[in-house]
PDB file of N, CA and C in Angstrom:
ATOM      1  N   GLY A   1     108.679  81.525 108.761  1.00  0.00           N
ATOM      2  CA  GLY A   1     107.272  81.560 108.457  1.00  0.00           C
ATOM      3  C   GLY A   1     107.016  81.997 107.024  1.00  0.00           C
ATOM      4  N   ASP A   2     105.821  82.434 106.781  1.00  0.00           N
ATOM      5  CA  ASP A   2     105.417  82.898 105.456  1.00  0.00           C
ATOM      6  C   ASP A   2     106.056  84.253 105.192  1.00  0.00           C
ATOM      7  N   THR A   3     106.975  84.284 104.260  1.00  0.00           N
ATOM      8  CA  THR A   3     107.668  85.534 103.952  1.00  0.00           C
ATOM      9  C   THR A   3     107.295  86.045 102.572  1.00  0.00           C
ATOM     10  N   LEU A   4     107.597  85.267 101.555  1.00  0.00           N
ATOM     11  CA  LEU A   4     107.396  85.716 100.180  1.00  0.00           C
ATOM     12  C   LEU A   4     106.351  84.859  99.489  1.00  0.00           C
ATOM     13  N   PHE A   5     105.342  85.516  98.984  1.00  0.00           N
ATOM     14  CA  PHE A   5     104.326  84.878  98.148  1.00  0.00           C
ATOM     15  C   PHE A   5     104.411  85.505  96.762  1.00  0.00           C
ATOM     16  N   GLN A   6     103.814  84.851  95.776  1.00  0.00           N
ATOM     17  CA  GLN A   6     103.773  85.475  94.465  1.00  0.00           C
ATOM     18  C   GLN A   6     102.961  86.772  94.588  1.00  0.00           C
ATOM     19  N   ALA A   7     103.604  87.887  94.288  1.00  0.00           N
ATOM     20  CA  ALA A   7     103.009  89.226  94.328  1.00  0.00           C
ATOM     21  C   ALA A   7     102.623  89.679  95.731  1.00  0.00           C
ATOM     22  N   GLY A   8     103.164  89.044  96.766  1.00  0.00           N
ATOM     23  CA  GLY A   8     102.819  89.448  98.122  1.00  0.00           C
ATOM     24  C   GLY A   8     103.837  89.006  99.147  1.00  0.00           C
ATOM     25  N   CYS A   9     103.492  89.246 100.410  1.00  0.00           N
ATOM     26  CA  CYS A   9     104.313  88.777 101.524  1.00  0.00           C
ATOM     27  C   CYS A   9     103.379  88.340 102.650  1.00  0.00           C
ATOM     28  N   GLY A  10     103.941  87.669 103.644  1.00  0.00           N
ATOM     29  CA  GLY A  10     103.149  87.182 104.757  1.00  0.00           C
ATOM     30  C   GLY A  10     102.689  88.288 105.684  1.00  0.00           C
ATOM     31  N   LYS A  11     101.701  87.956 106.492  1.00  0.00           N
ATOM     32  CA  LYS A  11     101.209  88.897 107.503  1.00  0.00           C
ATOM     33  C   LYS A  11     102.249  89.031 108.609  1.00  0.00           C
ATOM     34  N   PHE A  12     102.178  90.134 109.316  1.00  0.00           N
ATOM     35  CA  PHE A  12     103.125  90.390 110.402  1.00  0.00           C
ATOM     36  C   PHE A  12     102.512  89.960 111.731  1.00  0.00           C
ATOM     37  N   PHE A  13     102.417  88.662 111.976  1.00  0.00           N
ATOM     38  CA  PHE A  13     101.875  88.193 113.247  1.00  0.00           C
ATOM     39  C   PHE A  13     102.859  88.499 114.370  1.00  0.00           C
ATOM     40  N   GLU A  14     104.116  88.261 114.093  1.00  0.00           N
ATOM     41  CA  GLU A  14     105.190  88.578 115.031  1.00  0.00           C
ATOM     42  C   GLU A  14     106.237  89.335 114.217  1.00  0.00           C
ATOM     43  N   GLY A  15     106.428  90.579 114.523  1.00  0.00           N
ATOM     44  CA  GLY A  15     107.394  91.363 113.774  1.00  0.00           C
ATOM     45  C   GLY A  15     106.742  92.568 113.149  1.00  0.00           C
ATOM     46  N   ASP A  16     107.523  93.249 112.307  1.00  0.00           N
ATOM     47  CA  ASP A  16     107.052  94.499 111.720  1.00  0.00           C
ATOM     48  C   ASP A  16     107.651  94.679 110.330  1.00  0.00           C
ATOM     49  N   GLY A  17     107.398  95.831 109.757  1.00  0.00           N
ATOM     50  CA  GLY A  17     107.879  96.122 108.415  1.00  0.00           C
ATOM     51  C   GLY A  17     109.387  96.075 108.294  1.00  0.00           C
ATOM     52  N   ARG A  18     110.083  96.486 109.336  1.00  0.00           N
ATOM     53  CA  ARG A  18     111.552  96.469 109.301  1.00  0.00           C
ATOM     54  C   ARG A  18     112.058  95.033 109.176  1.00  0.00           C
ATOM     55  N   GLN A  19     111.482  94.134 109.958  1.00  0.00           N
ATOM     56  CA  GLN A  19     111.913  92.741 109.907  1.00  0.00           C
ATOM     57  C   GLN A  19     111.567  92.103 108.566  1.00  0.00           C
ATOM     58  N   MET A  20     110.373  92.399 108.034  1.00  0.00           N
ATOM     59  CA  MET A  20     110.008  91.862 106.725  1.00  0.00           C
ATOM     60  C   MET A  20     110.924  92.421 105.646  1.00  0.00           C
ATOM     61  N   CYS A  21     111.225  93.698 105.746  1.00  0.00           N
ATOM     62  CA  CYS A  21     112.129  94.338 104.796  1.00  0.00           C
ATOM     63  C   CYS A  21     113.496  93.638 104.823  1.00  0.00           C
ATOM     64  N   ASN A  22     113.998  93.350 106.013  1.00  0.00           N
ATOM     65  CA  ASN A  22     115.281  92.640 106.146  1.00  0.00           C
ATOM     66  C   ASN A  22     115.201  91.242 105.553  1.00  0.00           C
ATOM     67  N   SER A  23     114.105  90.537 105.816  1.00  0.00           N
ATOM     68  CA  SER A  23     113.933  89.182 105.273  1.00  0.00           C
ATOM     69  C   SER A  23     113.862  89.202 103.752  1.00  0.00           C
ATOM     70  N   LEU A  24     113.082  90.130 103.211  1.00  0.00           N
ATOM     71  CA  LEU A  24     112.983  90.237 101.747  1.00  0.00           C
ATOM     72  C   LEU A  24     114.322  90.618 101.133  1.00  0.00           C
ATOM     73  N   SER A  25     115.059  91.498 101.787  1.00  0.00           N
ATOM     74  CA  SER A  25     116.389  91.894 101.294  1.00  0.00           C
ATOM     75  C   SER A  25     117.321  90.692 101.220  1.00  0.00           C
ATOM     76  N   THR A  26     117.246  89.836 102.233  1.00  0.00           N
ATOM     77  CA  THR A  26     118.069  88.622 102.247  1.00  0.00           C
ATOM     78  C   THR A  26     117.689  87.715 101.083  1.00  0.00           C
ATOM     79  N   ILE A  27     116.408  87.517 100.881  1.00  0.00           N
ATOM     80  CA  ILE A  27     115.930  86.667  99.779  1.00  0.00           C
ATOM     81  C   ILE A  27     116.355  87.241  98.434  1.00  0.00           C
ATOM     82  N   LEU A  28     116.287  88.554  98.284  1.00  0.00           N
ATOM     83  CA  LEU A  28     116.618  89.180  96.996  1.00  0.00           C
ATOM     84  C   LEU A  28     118.108  89.126  96.669  1.00  0.00           C
ATOM     85  N   ARG A  29     118.937  88.699  97.604  1.00  0.00           N
ATOM     86  CA  ARG A  29     120.364  88.515  97.316  1.00  0.00           C
ATOM     87  C   ARG A  29     120.620  87.195  96.584  1.00  0.00           C
ATOM     88  N   LEU A  30     119.603  86.339  96.538  1.00  0.00           N
ATOM     89  CA  LEU A  30     119.728  85.098  95.767  1.00  0.00           C
ATOM     90  C   LEU A  30     119.749  85.430  94.276  1.00  0.00           C
ATOM     91  N   PRO A  31     120.198  84.504  93.431  1.00  0.00           N
ATOM     92  CA  PRO A  31     120.193  84.752  91.983  1.00  0.00           C
ATOM     93  C   PRO A  31     118.791  85.110  91.488  1.00  0.00           C
ATOM     94  N   SER A  32     118.710  85.995  90.518  1.00  0.00           N
ATOM     95  CA  SER A  32     117.416  86.488  90.027  1.00  0.00           C
ATOM     96  C   SER A  32     116.551  85.391  89.406  1.00  0.00           C
ATOM     97  N   ASN A  33     117.171  84.297  88.966  1.00  0.00           N
ATOM     98  CA  ASN A  33     116.391  83.201  88.383  1.00  0.00           C
ATOM     99  C   ASN A  33     115.931  82.190  89.435  1.00  0.00           C
ATOM    100  N   THR A  34     116.144  82.497  90.717  1.00  0.00           N
ATOM    101  CA  THR A  34     115.670  81.626  91.800  1.00  0.00           C
ATOM    102  C   THR A  34     114.150  81.520  91.730  1.00  0.00           C
ATOM    103  N   GLN A  35     113.659  80.291  91.766  1.00  0.00           N
ATOM    104  CA  GLN A  35     112.216  80.070  91.701  1.00  0.00           C
ATOM    105  C   GLN A  35     111.589  80.216  93.084  1.00  0.00           C
ATOM    106  N   VAL A  36     110.409  80.829  93.104  1.00  0.00           N
ATOM    107  CA  VAL A  36     109.663  81.057  94.335  1.00  0.00           C
ATOM    108  C   VAL A  36     108.462  80.116  94.343  1.00  0.00           C
ATOM    109  N   PHE A  37     108.463  79.197  95.292  1.00  0.00           N
ATOM    110  CA  PHE A  37     107.350  78.272  95.483  1.00  0.00           C
ATOM    111  C   PHE A  37     106.711  78.601  96.832  1.00  0.00           C
ATOM    112  N   CYS A  38     105.579  79.288  96.795  1.00  0.00           N
ATOM    113  CA  CYS A  38     104.899  79.612  98.046  1.00  0.00           C
ATOM    114  C   CYS A  38     103.906  78.498  98.383  1.00  0.00           C
ATOM    115  N   GLY A  39     103.528  78.432  99.655  1.00  0.00           N
ATOM    116  CA  GLY A  39     102.681  77.344 100.119  1.00  0.00           C
ATOM    117  C   GLY A  39     101.189  77.625 100.095  1.00  0.00           C
ATOM    118  N   HIS A  40     100.801  78.820  99.690  1.00  0.00           N
ATOM    119  CA  HIS A  40      99.382  79.178  99.651  1.00  0.00           C
ATOM    120  C   HIS A  40      99.082  79.848  98.315  1.00  0.00           C
ATOM    121  N   GLU A  41      97.875  79.677  97.824  1.00  0.00           N
ATOM    122  CA  GLU A  41      97.475  80.248  96.537  1.00  0.00           C
ATOM    123  C   GLU A  41      96.721  81.553  96.759  1.00  0.00           C
ATOM    124  N   TYR A  42      97.478  82.651  96.866  1.00  0.00           N
ATOM    125  CA  TYR A  42      96.909  83.988  97.029  1.00  0.00           C
ATOM    126  C   TYR A  42      97.234  84.884  95.835  1.00  0.00           C
ATOM    127  N   THR A  43      97.675  84.297  94.741  1.00  0.00           N
ATOM    128  CA  THR A  43      98.221  85.085  93.637  1.00  0.00           C
ATOM    129  C   THR A  43      97.232  86.089  93.074  1.00  0.00           C
ATOM    130  N   VAL A  44      96.002  85.684  92.797  1.00  0.00           N
ATOM    131  CA  VAL A  44      95.025  86.614  92.215  1.00  0.00           C
ATOM    132  C   VAL A  44      94.717  87.744  93.190  1.00  0.00           C
ATOM    133  N   SER A  45      94.516  87.405  94.443  1.00  0.00           N
ATOM    134  CA  SER A  45      94.269  88.436  95.461  1.00  0.00           C
ATOM    135  C   SER A  45      95.458  89.388  95.579  1.00  0.00           C
ATOM    136  N   ASN A  46      96.660  88.825  95.615  1.00  0.00           N
ATOM    137  CA  ASN A  46      97.860  89.664  95.737  1.00  0.00           C
ATOM    138  C   ASN A  46      98.042  90.567  94.523  1.00  0.00           C
ATOM    139  N   LEU A  47      97.811  90.033  93.342  1.00  0.00           N
ATOM    140  CA  LEU A  47      97.953  90.847  92.130  1.00  0.00           C
ATOM    141  C   LEU A  47      96.850  91.900  92.030  1.00  0.00           C
ATOM    142  N   SER A  48      95.663  91.579  92.499  1.00  0.00           N
ATOM    143  CA  SER A  48      94.581  92.571  92.519  1.00  0.00           C
ATOM    144  C   SER A  48      94.974  93.737  93.431  1.00  0.00           C
ATOM    145  N   PHE A  49      95.565  93.419  94.573  1.00  0.00           N
ATOM    146  CA  PHE A  49      96.053  94.462  95.467  1.00  0.00           C
ATOM    147  C   PHE A  49      97.170  95.261  94.795  1.00  0.00           C
ATOM    148  N   ALA A  50      98.113  94.564  94.176  1.00  0.00           N
ATOM    149  CA  ALA A  50      99.223  95.244  93.487  1.00  0.00           C
ATOM    150  C   ALA A  50      98.690  96.201  92.421  1.00  0.00           C
ATOM    151  N   LEU A  51      97.644  95.784  91.720  1.00  0.00           N
ATOM    152  CA  LEU A  51      97.044  96.637  90.688  1.00  0.00           C
ATOM    153  C   LEU A  51      96.406  97.881  91.306  1.00  0.00           C
ATOM    154  N   SER A  52      95.868  97.755  92.511  1.00  0.00           N
ATOM    155  CA  SER A  52      95.287  98.921  93.176  1.00  0.00           C
ATOM    156  C   SER A  52      96.369  99.926  93.581  1.00  0.00           C
ATOM    157  N   ILE A  53      97.583  99.448  93.771  1.00  0.00           N
ATOM    158  CA  ILE A  53      98.709 100.309  94.147  1.00  0.00           C
ATOM    159  C   ILE A  53      99.358 100.915  92.910  1.00  0.00           C
ATOM    160  N   GLU A  54      99.557 100.098  91.898  1.00  0.00           N
ATOM    161  CA  GLU A  54     100.200 100.541  90.654  1.00  0.00           C
ATOM    162  C   GLU A  54      99.310 100.186  89.457  1.00  0.00           C
ATOM    163  N   PRO A  55      98.234 100.919  89.241  1.00  0.00           N
ATOM    164  CA  PRO A  55      97.289 100.561  88.172  1.00  0.00           C
ATOM    165  C   PRO A  55      97.883 100.638  86.758  1.00  0.00           C
ATOM    166  N   ASP A  56      98.963 101.348  86.574  1.00  0.00           N
ATOM    167  CA  ASP A  56      99.568 101.472  85.243  1.00  0.00           C
ATOM    168  C   ASP A  56     100.723 100.499  85.018  1.00  0.00           C
ATOM    169  N   ASN A  57     100.998  99.637  85.984  1.00  0.00           N
ATOM    170  CA  ASN A  57     102.105  98.691  85.865  1.00  0.00           C
ATOM    171  C   ASN A  57     101.684  97.547  84.939  1.00  0.00           C
ATOM    172  N   ILE A  58     102.256  97.521  83.742  1.00  0.00           N
ATOM    173  CA  ILE A  58     101.865  96.510  82.746  1.00  0.00           C
ATOM    174  C   ILE A  58     102.227  95.095  83.188  1.00  0.00           C
ATOM    175  N   HIS A  59     103.256  94.960  84.016  1.00  0.00           N
ATOM    176  CA  HIS A  59     103.638  93.633  84.508  1.00  0.00           C
ATOM    177  C   HIS A  59     102.566  93.087  85.450  1.00  0.00           C
ATOM    178  N   VAL A  60     102.027  93.947  86.301  1.00  0.00           N
ATOM    179  CA  VAL A  60     100.944  93.542  87.192  1.00  0.00           C
ATOM    180  C   VAL A  60      99.707  93.196  86.359  1.00  0.00           C
ATOM    181  N   GLN A  61      99.370  94.042  85.414  1.00  0.00           N
ATOM    182  CA  GLN A  61      98.189  93.816  84.578  1.00  0.00           C
ATOM    183  C   GLN A  61      98.260  92.471  83.863  1.00  0.00           C
ATOM    184  N   SER A  62      99.384  92.210  83.214  1.00  0.00           N
ATOM    185  CA  SER A  62      99.500  90.971  82.432  1.00  0.00           C
ATOM    186  C   SER A  62      99.597  89.742  83.337  1.00  0.00           C
ATOM    187  N   ARG A  63     100.263  89.868  84.469  1.00  0.00           N
ATOM    188  CA  ARG A  63     100.375  88.722  85.377  1.00  0.00           C
ATOM    189  C   ARG A  63      99.015  88.382  85.995  1.00  0.00           C
ATOM    190  N   LEU A  64      98.195  89.387  86.252  1.00  0.00           N
ATOM    191  CA  LEU A  64      96.865  89.146  86.800  1.00  0.00           C
ATOM    192  C   LEU A  64      95.992  88.402  85.785  1.00  0.00           C
ATOM    193  N   ILE A  65      96.034  88.816  84.543  1.00  0.00           N
ATOM    194  CA  ILE A  65      95.288  88.108  83.496  1.00  0.00           C
ATOM    195  C   ILE A  65      95.766  86.665  83.408  1.00  0.00           C
ATOM    196  N   TRP A  66      97.073  86.482  83.404  1.00  0.00           N
ATOM    197  CA  TRP A  66      97.670  85.145  83.345  1.00  0.00           C
ATOM    198  C   TRP A  66      97.225  84.296  84.538  1.00  0.00           C
ATOM    199  N   ALA A  67      97.286  84.859  85.751  1.00  0.00           N
ATOM    200  CA  ALA A  67      96.934  84.116  86.963  1.00  0.00           C
ATOM    201  C   ALA A  67      95.460  83.717  86.966  1.00  0.00           C
ATOM    202  N   LYS A  68      94.587  84.627  86.561  1.00  0.00           N
ATOM    203  CA  LYS A  68      93.156  84.296  86.497  1.00  0.00           C
ATOM    204  C   LYS A  68      92.906  83.158  85.512  1.00  0.00           C
ATOM    205  N   ASP A  69      93.610  83.170  84.395  1.00  0.00           N
ATOM    206  CA  ASP A  69      93.483  82.111  83.402  1.00  0.00           C
ATOM    207  C   ASP A  69      93.959  80.779  83.971  1.00  0.00           C
ATOM    208  N   ARG A  70      95.091  80.794  84.675  1.00  0.00           N
ATOM    209  CA  ARG A  70      95.621  79.571  85.291  1.00  0.00           C
ATOM    210  C   ARG A  70      94.639  78.998  86.312  1.00  0.00           C
ATOM    211  N   ILE A  71      94.089  79.857  87.148  1.00  0.00           N
ATOM    212  CA  ILE A  71      93.140  79.410  88.178  1.00  0.00           C
ATOM    213  C   ILE A  71      91.881  78.838  87.525  1.00  0.00           C
ATOM    214  N   ALA A  72      91.389  79.505  86.474  1.00  0.00           N
ATOM    215  CA  ALA A  72      90.194  79.020  85.767  1.00  0.00           C
ATOM    216  C   ALA A  72      90.424  77.626  85.183  1.00  0.00           C
ATOM    217  N   LYS A  73      91.665  77.349  84.809  1.00  0.00           N
ATOM    218  CA  LYS A  73      92.013  76.043  84.256  1.00  0.00           C
ATOM    219  C   LYS A  73      92.430  75.044  85.337  1.00  0.00           C
ATOM    220  N   LYS A  74      92.287  75.470  86.606  1.00  0.00           N
ATOM    221  CA  LYS A  74      92.672  74.639  87.752  1.00  0.00           C
ATOM    222  C   LYS A  74      94.155  74.273  87.724  1.00  0.00           C
ATOM    223  N   LEU A  75      94.969  75.234  87.303  1.00  0.00           N
ATOM    224  CA  LEU A  75      96.419  75.072  87.261  1.00  0.00           C
ATOM    225  C   LEU A  75      97.059  75.984  88.310  1.00  0.00           C
ATOM    226  N   PRO A  76      98.210  75.594  88.826  1.00  0.00           N
ATOM    227  CA  PRO A  76      98.877  76.446  89.816  1.00  0.00           C
ATOM    228  C   PRO A  76      99.490  77.690  89.169  1.00  0.00           C
ATOM    229  N   THR A  77      99.665  78.703  89.983  1.00  0.00           N
ATOM    230  CA  THR A  77     100.329  79.923  89.501  1.00  0.00           C
ATOM    231  C   THR A  77     101.788  79.963  89.931  1.00  0.00           C
ATOM    232  N   VAL A  78     102.236  78.991  90.663  1.00  0.00           N
ATOM    233  CA  VAL A  78     103.632  78.921  91.080  1.00  0.00           C
ATOM    234  C   VAL A  78     104.357  77.927  90.198  1.00  0.00           C
ATOM    235  N   PRO A  79     105.641  78.124  90.017  1.00  0.00           N
ATOM    236  CA  PRO A  79     106.481  79.120  90.671  1.00  0.00           C
ATOM    237  C   PRO A  79     106.567  80.415  89.874  1.00  0.00           C
ATOM    238  N   SER A  80     107.140  81.395  90.538  1.00  0.00           N
ATOM    239  CA  SER A  80     107.602  82.612  89.867  1.00  0.00           C
ATOM    240  C   SER A  80     109.108  82.656  90.088  1.00  0.00           C
ATOM    241  N   THR A  81     109.749  83.695  89.602  1.00  0.00           N
ATOM    242  CA  THR A  81     111.175  83.881  89.885  1.00  0.00           C
ATOM    243  C   THR A  81     111.354  85.204  90.629  1.00  0.00           C
ATOM    244  N   LEU A  82     112.478  85.346  91.270  1.00  0.00           N
ATOM    245  CA  LEU A  82     112.753  86.609  91.957  1.00  0.00           C
ATOM    246  C   LEU A  82     112.752  87.768  90.965  1.00  0.00           C
ATOM    247  N   GLN A  83     113.264  87.543  89.768  1.00  0.00           N
ATOM    248  CA  GLN A  83     113.258  88.608  88.751  1.00  0.00           C
ATOM    249  C   GLN A  83     111.832  89.036  88.433  1.00  0.00           C
ATOM    250  N   GLU A  84     110.940  88.074  88.263  1.00  0.00           N
ATOM    251  CA  GLU A  84     109.542  88.403  87.989  1.00  0.00           C
ATOM    252  C   GLU A  84     108.931  89.173  89.162  1.00  0.00           C
ATOM    253  N   GLU A  85     109.227  88.748  90.370  1.00  0.00           N
ATOM    254  CA  GLU A  85     108.679  89.416  91.551  1.00  0.00           C
ATOM    255  C   GLU A  85     109.062  90.895  91.597  1.00  0.00           C
ATOM    256  N   THR A  86     110.251  91.230  91.101  1.00  0.00           N
ATOM    257  CA  THR A  86     110.671  92.646  91.116  1.00  0.00           C
ATOM    258  C   THR A  86     109.820  93.514  90.197  1.00  0.00           C
ATOM    259  N   THR A  87     109.065  92.886  89.303  1.00  0.00           N
ATOM    260  CA  THR A  87     108.250  93.667  88.366  1.00  0.00           C
ATOM    261  C   THR A  87     106.809  93.840  88.825  1.00  0.00           C
ATOM    262  N   PHE A  88     106.310  92.924  89.696  1.00  0.00           N
ATOM    263  CA  PHE A  88     104.887  93.014  90.057  1.00  0.00           C
ATOM    264  C   PHE A  88     104.578  92.862  91.547  1.00  0.00           C
ATOM    265  N   ASN A  89     105.520  92.506  92.365  1.00  0.00           N
ATOM    266  CA  ASN A  89     105.253  92.327  93.795  1.00  0.00           C
ATOM    267  C   ASN A  89     105.513  93.646  94.527  1.00  0.00           C
ATOM    268  N   PRO A  90     104.474  94.303  95.044  1.00  0.00           N
ATOM    269  CA  PRO A  90     104.684  95.619  95.660  1.00  0.00           C
ATOM    270  C   PRO A  90     105.603  95.588  96.873  1.00  0.00           C
ATOM    271  N   PHE A  91     105.640  94.477  97.598  1.00  0.00           N
ATOM    272  CA  PHE A  91     106.503  94.385  98.768  1.00  0.00           C
ATOM    273  C   PHE A  91     107.965  94.276  98.349  1.00  0.00           C
ATOM    274  N   VAL A  92     108.230  93.507  97.321  1.00  0.00           N
ATOM    275  CA  VAL A  92     109.580  93.417  96.759  1.00  0.00           C
ATOM    276  C   VAL A  92     109.957  94.745  96.109  1.00  0.00           C
ATOM    277  N   ARG A  93     108.999  95.366  95.436  1.00  0.00           N
ATOM    278  CA  ARG A  93     109.268  96.634  94.761  1.00  0.00           C
ATOM    279  C   ARG A  93     109.579  97.754  95.761  1.00  0.00           C
ATOM    280  N   CYS A  94     109.201  97.582  97.015  1.00  0.00           N
ATOM    281  CA  CYS A  94     109.602  98.550  98.051  1.00  0.00           C
ATOM    282  C   CYS A  94     111.124  98.636  98.149  1.00  0.00           C
ATOM    283  N   LEU A  95     111.785  97.554  97.773  1.00  0.00           N
ATOM    284  CA  LEU A  95     113.237  97.487  97.884  1.00  0.00           C
ATOM    285  C   LEU A  95     113.956  97.803  96.577  1.00  0.00           C
ATOM    286  N   CYS A  96     113.260  97.631  95.443  1.00  0.00           N
ATOM    287  CA  CYS A  96     113.945  97.829  94.162  1.00  0.00           C
ATOM    288  C   CYS A  96     113.306  98.914  93.292  1.00  0.00           C
ATOM    289  N   ALA A  97     112.132  99.375  93.656  1.00  0.00           N
ATOM    290  CA  ALA A  97     111.462 100.458  92.921  1.00  0.00           C
ATOM    291  C   ALA A  97     110.820 101.402  93.928  1.00  0.00           C
ATOM    292  N   THR A  98     111.591 101.729  94.946  1.00  0.00           N
ATOM    293  CA  THR A  98     111.079 102.496  96.080  1.00  0.00           C
ATOM    294  C   THR A  98     110.428 103.806  95.668  1.00  0.00           C
ATOM    295  N   ASP A  99     111.081 104.560  94.799  1.00  0.00           N
ATOM    296  CA  ASP A  99     110.537 105.861  94.401  1.00  0.00           C
ATOM    297  C   ASP A  99     109.199 105.722  93.681  1.00  0.00           C
ATOM    298  N   THR A 100     109.071 104.706  92.839  1.00  0.00           N
ATOM    299  CA  THR A 100     107.814 104.471  92.123  1.00  0.00           C
ATOM    300  C   THR A 100     106.676 104.236  93.113  1.00  0.00           C
ATOM    301  N   LEU A 101     106.932 103.401  94.114  1.00  0.00           N
ATOM    302  CA  LEU A 101     105.881 103.104  95.096  1.00  0.00           C
ATOM    303  C   LEU A 101     105.608 104.295  96.004  1.00  0.00           C
ATOM    304  N   LYS A 102     106.645 105.013  96.383  1.00  0.00           N
ATOM    305  CA  LYS A 102     106.426 106.212  97.202  1.00  0.00           C
ATOM    306  C   LYS A 102     105.540 107.200  96.457  1.00  0.00           C
ATOM    307  N   ASN A 103     105.801 107.368  95.173  1.00  0.00           N
ATOM    308  CA  ASN A 103     104.975 108.269  94.362  1.00  0.00           C
ATOM    309  C   ASN A 103     103.547 107.744  94.232  1.00  0.00           C
ATOM    310  N   ALA A 104     103.397 106.434  94.036  1.00  0.00           N
ATOM    311  CA  ALA A 104     102.062 105.838  93.885  1.00  0.00           C
ATOM    312  C   ALA A 104     101.229 106.031  95.152  1.00  0.00           C
ATOM    313  N   LEU A 105     101.890 105.986  96.303  1.00  0.00           N
ATOM    314  CA  LEU A 105     101.197 106.122  97.577  1.00  0.00           C
ATOM    315  C   LEU A 105     101.273 107.525  98.155  1.00  0.00           C
ATOM    316  N   ASN A 106     101.990 108.404  97.441  1.00  0.00           N
ATOM    317  CA  ASN A 106     102.166 109.782  97.891  1.00  0.00           C
ATOM    318  C   ASN A 106     102.756 109.826  99.309  1.00  0.00           C
ATOM    319  N   LEU A 107     103.835 109.053  99.510  1.00  0.00           N
ATOM    320  CA  LEU A 107     104.484 108.963 100.809  1.00  0.00           C
ATOM    321  C   LEU A 107     105.967 109.301 100.700  1.00  0.00           C
ATOM    322  N   GLU A 108     106.495 109.886 101.731  1.00  0.00           N
ATOM    323  CA  GLU A 108     107.936 110.053 101.898  1.00  0.00           C
ATOM    324  C   GLU A 108     108.298 109.268 103.140  1.00  0.00           C
ATOM    325  N   THR A 109     108.967 108.146 102.968  1.00  0.00           N
ATOM    326  CA  THR A 109     109.211 107.257 104.092  1.00  0.00           C
ATOM    327  C   THR A 109     110.363 106.315 103.776  1.00  0.00           C
ATOM    328  N   THR A 110     110.759 105.513 104.752  1.00  0.00           N
ATOM    329  CA  THR A 110     111.810 104.524 104.545  1.00  0.00           C
ATOM    330  C   THR A 110     111.230 103.277 103.882  1.00  0.00           C
ATOM    331  N   GLU A 111     112.104 102.417 103.381  1.00  0.00           N
ATOM    332  CA  GLU A 111     111.654 101.160 102.779  1.00  0.00           C
ATOM    333  C   GLU A 111     110.860 100.333 103.790  1.00  0.00           C
ATOM    334  N   ALA A 112     111.349 100.242 105.028  1.00  0.00           N
ATOM    335  CA  ALA A 112     110.674  99.443 106.056  1.00  0.00           C
ATOM    336  C   ALA A 112     109.290 100.012 106.376  1.00  0.00           C
ATOM    337  N   GLN A 113     109.179 101.330 106.444  1.00  0.00           N
ATOM    338  CA  GLN A 113     107.879 101.950 106.713  1.00  0.00           C
ATOM    339  C   GLN A 113     106.938 101.748 105.530  1.00  0.00           C
ATOM    340  N   LEU A 114     107.494 101.742 104.337  1.00  0.00           N
ATOM    341  CA  LEU A 114     106.695 101.497 103.143  1.00  0.00           C
ATOM    342  C   LEU A 114     106.144 100.067 103.147  1.00  0.00           C
ATOM    343  N   VAL A 115     106.988  99.093 103.494  1.00  0.00           N
ATOM    344  CA  VAL A 115     106.544  97.703 103.610  1.00  0.00           C
ATOM    345  C   VAL A 115     105.443  97.602 104.663  1.00  0.00           C
ATOM    346  N   GLN A 116     105.645  98.261 105.805  1.00  0.00           N
ATOM    347  CA  GLN A 116     104.656  98.247 106.884  1.00  0.00           C
ATOM    348  C   GLN A 116     103.319  98.827 106.406  1.00  0.00           C
ATOM    349  N   ARG A 117     103.377  99.972 105.719  1.00  0.00           N
ATOM    350  CA  ARG A 117     102.152 100.630 105.235  1.00  0.00           C
ATOM    351  C   ARG A 117     101.428  99.762 104.216  1.00  0.00           C
ATOM    352  N   LEU A 118     102.179  99.159 103.294  1.00  0.00           N
ATOM    353  CA  LEU A 118     101.566  98.279 102.296  1.00  0.00           C
ATOM    354  C   LEU A 118     100.896  97.077 102.961  1.00  0.00           C
ATOM    355  N   ARG A 119     101.543  96.501 103.972  1.00  0.00           N
ATOM    356  CA  ARG A 119     100.960  95.347 104.649  1.00  0.00           C
ATOM    357  C   ARG A 119      99.656  95.736 105.344  1.00  0.00           C
ATOM    358  N   GLU A 120      99.637  96.908 105.962  1.00  0.00           N
ATOM    359  CA  GLU A 120      98.407  97.399 106.600  1.00  0.00           C
ATOM    360  C   GLU A 120      97.303  97.580 105.560  1.00  0.00           C
ATOM    361  N   MET A 121      97.662  98.115 104.404  1.00  0.00           N
ATOM    362  CA  MET A 121      96.686  98.299 103.331  1.00  0.00           C
ATOM    363  C   MET A 121      96.194  96.949 102.812  1.00  0.00           C
ATOM    364  N   LYS A 122      97.104  96.008 102.634  1.00  0.00           N
ATOM    365  CA  LYS A 122      96.734  94.675 102.121  1.00  0.00           C
ATOM    366  C   LYS A 122      95.817  93.962 103.103  1.00  0.00           C
ATOM    367  N   ASP A 123      96.080  94.126 104.405  1.00  0.00           N
ATOM    368  CA  ASP A 123      95.232  93.485 105.414  1.00  0.00           C
ATOM    369  C   ASP A 123      93.785  93.952 105.328  1.00  0.00           C
ATOM    370  N   LYS A 124      93.561  95.156 104.842  1.00  0.00           N
ATOM    371  CA  LYS A 124      92.205  95.715 104.733  1.00  0.00           C
ATOM    372  C   LYS A 124      91.620  95.574 103.333  1.00  0.00           C
ATOM    373  N   PHE A 125      92.419  95.114 102.389  1.00  0.00           N
ATOM    374  CA  PHE A 125      92.019  95.049 100.976  1.00  0.00           C
ATOM    375  C   PHE A 125      91.031  93.926 100.733  1.00  0.00           C
ATOM    376  N   LYS A 126      90.009  94.214  99.977  1.00  0.00           N
ATOM    377  CA  LYS A 126      89.018  93.208  99.567  1.00  0.00           C
ATOM    378  C   LYS A 126      89.120  93.038  98.061  1.00  0.00           C
ATOM    379  N   THR A 127      89.393  91.813  97.638  1.00  0.00           N
ATOM    380  CA  THR A 127      89.510  91.511  96.217  1.00  0.00           C
ATOM    381  C   THR A 127      88.136  91.540  95.561  1.00  0.00           C
ATOM    382  N   LYS A 128      88.027  92.253  94.443  1.00  0.00           N
ATOM    383  CA  LYS A 128      86.795  92.266  93.652  1.00  0.00           C
ATOM    384  C   LYS A 128      86.890  91.162  92.616  1.00  0.00           C
ATOM    385  N   ILE A 129      85.926  90.282  92.619  1.00  0.00           N
ATOM    386  CA  ILE A 129      85.961  89.152  91.682  1.00  0.00           C
ATOM    387  C   ILE A 129      85.005  89.398  90.540  1.00  0.00           C
TER     388      ILE A 129
END
């Protein structure tokens, strides 16, 4: 199903944070230059959420500006690469920048619980346009 989106991940209709964490871990074992082509255009919404989690992350800030510009020009925001995702995707960053995200959310938890918590937060997040 929907696992990895640019700056996001799929909803947990069946499964939980542990399973998503395992799926993302498997994907991240691919070469860092692997291109990510997602099937839905949620990039601006996902990056807006990422910015709410890590407001000082310059990669999120610049990618959001870039994505808004692409959308305004009616251009796609895909693909990204796995390397890029490690800099701005909060779900991927749960696996490669765990301490940064734990500090941002003021949580002490496992990677899987962090993915679960972020997904719950994203499900309630409203993008400001």
